[in-house]
Protein backbone atom coordinates (compact mmCIF):
# COMPACT_ATOMS: atom_id res chain seq x y z
CA MET A 1 -37.41 19.07 -42.77
CA THR A 2 -39.31 17.70 -39.58
CA SER A 3 -36.87 18.76 -36.90
CA ILE A 4 -34.77 21.71 -35.91
CA ARG A 5 -31.43 21.84 -37.08
CA ASN A 6 -28.45 23.26 -34.94
CA ILE A 7 -25.61 24.81 -37.28
CA ALA A 8 -22.74 26.94 -36.47
CA LEU A 9 -21.54 29.35 -39.30
CA ALA A 10 -18.13 31.49 -39.59
CA VAL A 11 -18.13 35.10 -40.66
CA PRO A 12 -14.53 35.84 -41.31
CA ARG A 13 -14.35 39.78 -42.00
CA ARG A 14 -12.16 41.83 -44.61
CA GLY A 15 -13.26 45.44 -43.88
CA ASP A 16 -16.67 45.54 -45.11
CA ASP A 17 -16.76 42.38 -46.56
CA VAL A 18 -17.89 38.88 -45.59
CA LEU A 19 -16.83 35.65 -46.81
CA VAL A 20 -19.67 33.68 -48.30
CA PHE A 21 -20.76 31.10 -50.67
CA ARG A 22 -23.31 31.70 -53.31
CA GLY A 23 -26.07 29.46 -53.67
CA HIS A 24 -29.23 29.30 -56.11
CA ASP A 25 -32.88 28.14 -55.08
CA ARG A 26 -34.31 26.72 -58.31
CA THR A 27 -37.90 26.47 -56.92
CA ARG A 28 -37.62 30.33 -56.11
CA ASP A 29 -35.15 31.22 -58.94
CA GLN A 30 -33.34 33.13 -56.29
CA THR A 31 -29.76 33.52 -56.05
CA PHE A 32 -28.70 33.90 -52.38
CA TYR A 33 -25.37 34.14 -50.18
CA ARG A 34 -24.87 32.48 -46.72
CA PRO A 35 -21.70 32.13 -44.62
CA LEU A 36 -19.91 28.86 -44.55
CA GLY A 37 -20.54 26.24 -41.95
CA GLY A 38 -22.90 23.54 -40.95
CA GLY A 39 -24.32 21.05 -38.72
CA ILE A 40 -23.24 20.35 -35.33
CA GLU A 41 -22.94 16.78 -34.83
CA PHE A 42 -24.04 15.17 -31.33
CA GLY A 43 -21.19 15.53 -28.51
CA GLU A 44 -19.74 18.32 -30.37
CA THR A 45 -19.60 21.98 -29.31
CA ALA A 46 -20.59 24.50 -31.75
CA ALA A 47 -17.30 25.99 -31.94
CA GLN A 48 -15.89 22.61 -32.62
CA ALA A 49 -18.67 22.10 -35.44
CA LEU A 50 -17.36 25.23 -36.82
CA HIS A 51 -13.95 24.01 -36.87
CA ARG A 52 -14.69 20.76 -38.75
CA GLU A 53 -17.04 22.42 -41.13
CA MET A 54 -14.36 24.90 -42.46
CA ARG A 55 -11.58 22.07 -42.59
CA GLU A 56 -14.19 20.01 -44.58
CA GLU A 57 -15.65 22.52 -46.96
CA LEU A 58 -12.67 24.80 -47.65
CA ALA A 59 -9.42 23.24 -45.88
CA VAL A 60 -8.97 26.20 -43.80
CA GLU A 61 -8.00 26.73 -39.78
CA LEU A 62 -9.63 29.20 -38.01
CA THR A 63 -8.05 31.84 -35.37
CA GLY A 64 -9.76 34.16 -33.04
CA VAL A 65 -12.89 32.61 -33.06
CA ARG A 66 -15.70 33.79 -30.85
CA LEU A 67 -19.42 34.02 -30.53
CA LEU A 68 -21.06 36.91 -32.13
CA GLY A 69 -24.92 35.55 -31.19
CA VAL A 70 -27.70 33.24 -31.89
CA LEU A 71 -30.19 33.33 -34.59
CA GLU A 72 -33.48 31.21 -34.92
CA ASN A 73 -34.29 30.87 -38.62
CA LEU A 74 -37.63 29.53 -39.76
CA PHE A 75 -37.36 29.48 -43.66
CA GLN A 76 -38.80 28.05 -46.90
CA ALA A 77 -35.82 26.87 -49.60
CA TYR A 78 -36.01 23.96 -51.98
CA ASP A 79 -39.66 23.56 -51.69
CA ARG A 80 -39.56 22.76 -48.49
CA ALA A 81 -39.75 24.08 -44.73
CA GLY A 82 -36.61 24.46 -42.39
CA HIS A 83 -36.05 25.63 -38.85
CA GLU A 84 -32.38 26.12 -37.53
CA ILE A 85 -30.85 27.43 -34.47
CA VAL A 86 -27.70 29.21 -35.81
CA PHE A 87 -24.61 29.80 -33.92
CA VAL A 88 -22.67 32.90 -35.60
CA PHE A 89 -19.01 33.02 -35.12
CA ALA A 90 -16.67 36.02 -35.92
CA CYS A 91 -13.10 34.54 -36.82
CA ASP A 92 -10.28 34.77 -38.91
CA LEU A 93 -8.52 32.77 -41.30
CA ALA A 94 -5.12 31.53 -40.54
CA ASP A 95 -4.17 31.46 -44.32
CA ARG A 96 -3.79 35.47 -44.54
CA SER A 97 -3.45 34.95 -48.47
CA LEU A 98 -7.19 34.41 -48.90
CA TYR A 99 -7.77 37.78 -47.90
CA GLU A 100 -5.99 39.10 -50.95
CA ARG A 101 -8.39 37.64 -53.46
CA ASP A 102 -12.14 38.29 -53.78
CA HIS A 103 -12.87 34.59 -55.02
CA VAL A 104 -11.28 32.41 -52.36
CA GLY A 105 -12.39 28.98 -54.04
CA GLU A 106 -15.27 26.48 -54.44
CA ILE A 107 -16.88 24.41 -51.43
CA LEU A 108 -14.78 21.12 -51.65
CA ASP A 109 -17.56 18.54 -50.73
CA ASP A 110 -19.93 20.23 -53.06
CA ALA A 111 -20.28 20.64 -57.00
CA GLY A 112 -18.50 24.11 -57.60
CA THR A 113 -20.10 26.44 -55.19
CA PRO A 114 -18.23 29.26 -55.23
CA VAL A 115 -16.86 31.05 -51.96
CA LEU A 116 -15.94 34.89 -52.25
CA TRP A 117 -15.64 38.07 -50.39
CA ARG A 118 -18.81 40.25 -50.67
CA PRO A 119 -19.80 43.73 -49.19
CA LEU A 120 -22.04 43.41 -45.99
CA SER A 121 -23.69 46.52 -47.38
CA GLY A 122 -24.41 45.16 -50.72
CA PHE A 123 -26.92 42.56 -49.29
CA GLY A 124 -30.79 43.02 -49.69
CA ASP A 125 -34.19 41.77 -50.85
CA ILE A 126 -32.45 41.33 -54.66
CA THR A 127 -29.27 39.63 -53.21
CA PRO A 128 -30.23 38.26 -50.06
CA LEU A 129 -27.76 37.06 -47.01
CA TYR A 130 -29.08 34.27 -45.02
CA PRO A 131 -29.98 33.24 -42.46
CA ALA A 132 -32.11 36.17 -41.83
CA GLY A 133 -31.15 38.39 -39.23
CA LEU A 134 -27.51 37.78 -39.76
CA ALA A 135 -26.86 41.34 -41.49
CA ASP A 136 -28.23 43.09 -38.64
CA LEU A 137 -26.43 41.01 -36.19
CA LEU A 138 -23.08 41.96 -38.17
CA ALA A 139 -23.80 45.68 -38.30
CA LYS A 140 -23.81 46.12 -34.63
């Protein structure tokens, strides 16, 4: 990636749990977790992007959306460098039944990527939560 990517991430909570997808970087042989969300399109606010991305990725609506903070993320993944400005939003899932199961589903526009609730306290070096700095922001 040769430019800075602006993204919006949704962080619904279930007690200590956060809703994340599980990914795997084969180039580093590393399993990682990240909240759902994605790129902000031209002419779209970060909050509008968040709602669109959650509809596209999980077919869910959000309520109680509020900005928690903004992170700058410089990273290496899949054998390339990346640079993101990350708008992190606390929110609630409108479909309350999604809070009742640990495995919520799979990302709709992807090949079987699982979406699940994971305890914030369970992330660390072996099971990282991306982007860097997110766990600290959520612990506040």
